[in-house]
Amino acid sequence: MPTIDVVIELSAEACLAHYEGRAGRVRTRSLDGRRVVFPAEALRRVVTRDGVHGIFRLHFSTAGRFQAIVRLE
């Protein structure tokens, strides 16, 4: 399963927009500089009351579909 490590820095307010469906996708950069887009629904697994802050590993299927997110730092 392909993976990519990304930095996510989202405030609680930004996460609320994703949670409420006003933003369906998260756009960020990988540690190696690639642009990455994944479903905002994935943030529900890692959001705290302060938002989402840290380095995460995204897991994708071989077809490129998002499958999981894991906090690294």
C-alpha atoms as a PDB file:
ATOM      1  CA  MET A   1       0.000   0.000   0.000  1.00  0.00           C
ATOM      2  CA  PRO A   2       1.535   3.358  -1.024  1.00  0.00           C
ATOM      3  CA  THR A   3       2.060   5.930   1.720  1.00  0.00           C
ATOM      4  CA  ILE A   4       2.965   9.586   1.870  1.00  0.00           C
ATOM      5  CA  ASP A   5       3.992  11.692   4.875  1.00  0.00           C
ATOM      6  CA  VAL A   6       2.408  15.136   5.177  1.00  0.00           C
ATOM      7  CA  VAL A   7       2.412  18.100   7.523  1.00  0.00           C
ATOM      8  CA  ILE A   8      -1.060  19.227   8.550  1.00  0.00           C
ATOM      9  CA  GLU A   9      -1.639  22.472  10.426  1.00  0.00           C
ATOM     10  CA  LEU A  10      -5.356  23.248  10.695  1.00  0.00           C
ATOM     11  CA  SER A  11      -7.037  25.357  13.346  1.00  0.00           C
ATOM     12  CA  ALA A  12     -10.139  24.138  15.124  1.00  0.00           C
ATOM     13  CA  GLU A  13     -12.180  26.575  12.996  1.00  0.00           C
ATOM     14  CA  ALA A  14     -10.751  25.167   9.756  1.00  0.00           C
ATOM     15  CA  CYS A  15     -11.500  21.628  10.937  1.00  0.00           C
ATOM     16  CA  LEU A  16     -15.074  22.665  11.681  1.00  0.00           C
ATOM     17  CA  ALA A  17     -15.495  23.784   8.066  1.00  0.00           C
ATOM     18  CA  HIS A  18     -14.333  20.357   6.930  1.00  0.00           C
ATOM     19  CA  TYR A  19     -16.530  18.597   9.479  1.00  0.00           C
ATOM     20  CA  GLU A  20     -19.623  20.560   8.466  1.00  0.00           C
ATOM     21  CA  GLY A  21     -19.056  19.686   4.825  1.00  0.00           C
ATOM     22  CA  ARG A  22     -18.201  23.213   3.668  1.00  0.00           C
ATOM     23  CA  ALA A  23     -14.823  21.844   2.551  1.00  0.00           C
ATOM     24  CA  GLY A  24     -14.748  18.332   1.129  1.00  0.00           C
ATOM     25  CA  ARG A  25     -11.023  17.953   0.512  1.00  0.00           C
ATOM     26  CA  VAL A  26      -7.842  18.755   2.408  1.00  0.00           C
ATOM     27  CA  ARG A  27      -4.934  20.152   0.420  1.00  0.00           C
ATOM     28  CA  THR A  28      -1.456  19.990   1.907  1.00  0.00           C
ATOM     29  CA  ARG A  29       2.180  19.302   1.040  1.00  0.00           C
ATOM     30  CA  SER A  30       4.165  16.165   1.620  1.00  0.00           C
ATOM     31  CA  LEU A  31       7.507  16.237   3.400  1.00  0.00           C
ATOM     32  CA  ASP A  32       9.185  15.866  -0.002  1.00  0.00           C
ATOM     33  CA  GLY A  33       7.254  18.794  -1.540  1.00  0.00           C
ATOM     34  CA  ARG A  34       4.455  17.061  -3.459  1.00  0.00           C
ATOM     35  CA  ARG A  35       0.921  18.437  -3.375  1.00  0.00           C
ATOM     36  CA  VAL A  36      -1.496  16.041  -1.717  1.00  0.00           C
ATOM     37  CA  VAL A  37      -5.294  16.059  -1.704  1.00  0.00           C
ATOM     38  CA  PHE A  38      -7.375  13.707   0.423  1.00  0.00           C
ATOM     39  CA  PRO A  39     -10.950  13.532   1.775  1.00  0.00           C
ATOM     40  CA  ALA A  40     -11.672  15.870   4.697  1.00  0.00           C
ATOM     41  CA  GLU A  41     -13.557  13.015   6.340  1.00  0.00           C
ATOM     42  CA  ALA A  42     -10.161  11.498   7.199  1.00  0.00           C
ATOM     43  CA  LEU A  43      -9.531  14.309   9.692  1.00  0.00           C
ATOM     44  CA  ARG A  44     -12.266  12.999  11.975  1.00  0.00           C
ATOM     45  CA  ARG A  45      -9.861  10.276  13.066  1.00  0.00           C
ATOM     46  CA  VAL A  46      -7.128  12.697  14.175  1.00  0.00           C
ATOM     47  CA  VAL A  47      -8.807  15.994  15.093  1.00  0.00           C
ATOM     48  CA  THR A  48      -8.488  17.385  18.624  1.00  0.00           C
ATOM     49  CA  ARG A  49     -10.190  20.406  20.174  1.00  0.00           C
ATOM     50  CA  ASP A  50      -7.177  22.454  19.005  1.00  0.00           C
ATOM     51  CA  GLY A  51      -7.507  21.270  15.400  1.00  0.00           C
ATOM     52  CA  VAL A  52      -5.052  19.037  13.536  1.00  0.00           C
ATOM     53  CA  HIS A  53      -1.363  19.716  13.988  1.00  0.00           C
ATOM     54  CA  GLY A  54       1.570  17.473  13.178  1.00  0.00           C
ATOM     55  CA  ILE A  55       3.069  15.023  10.746  1.00  0.00           C
ATOM     56  CA  PHE A  56       0.843  12.239   9.472  1.00  0.00           C
ATOM     57  CA  ARG A  57       1.243   9.222   7.211  1.00  0.00           C
ATOM     58  CA  LEU A  58      -1.497   8.780   4.632  1.00  0.00           C
ATOM     59  CA  HIS A  59      -2.142   5.311   3.235  1.00  0.00           C
ATOM     60  CA  PHE A  60      -3.571   4.899  -0.269  1.00  0.00           C
ATOM     61  CA  SER A  61      -4.707   1.905  -2.300  1.00  0.00           C
ATOM     62  CA  THR A  62      -2.712   0.945  -5.373  1.00  0.00           C
ATOM     63  CA  ALA A  63      -5.466   2.721  -7.335  1.00  0.00           C
ATOM     64  CA  GLY A  64      -4.689   5.958  -5.463  1.00  0.00           C
ATOM     65  CA  ARG A  65      -7.737   6.040  -3.179  1.00  0.00           C
ATOM     66  CA  PHE A  66      -7.316   7.208   0.419  1.00  0.00           C
ATOM     67  CA  GLN A  67      -7.488   4.401   3.006  1.00  0.00           C
ATOM     68  CA  ALA A  68      -6.042   5.532   6.369  1.00  0.00           C
ATOM     69  CA  ILE A  69      -4.260   8.293   8.293  1.00  0.00           C
ATOM     70  CA  VAL A  70      -1.792   7.753  11.156  1.00  0.00           C
ATOM     71  CA  ARG A  71      -0.176  10.414  13.372  1.00  0.00           C
ATOM     72  CA  LEU A  72       3.633  10.225  13.314  1.00  0.00           C
ATOM     73  CA  GLU A  73       4.436  13.292  15.460  1.00  0.00           C
END
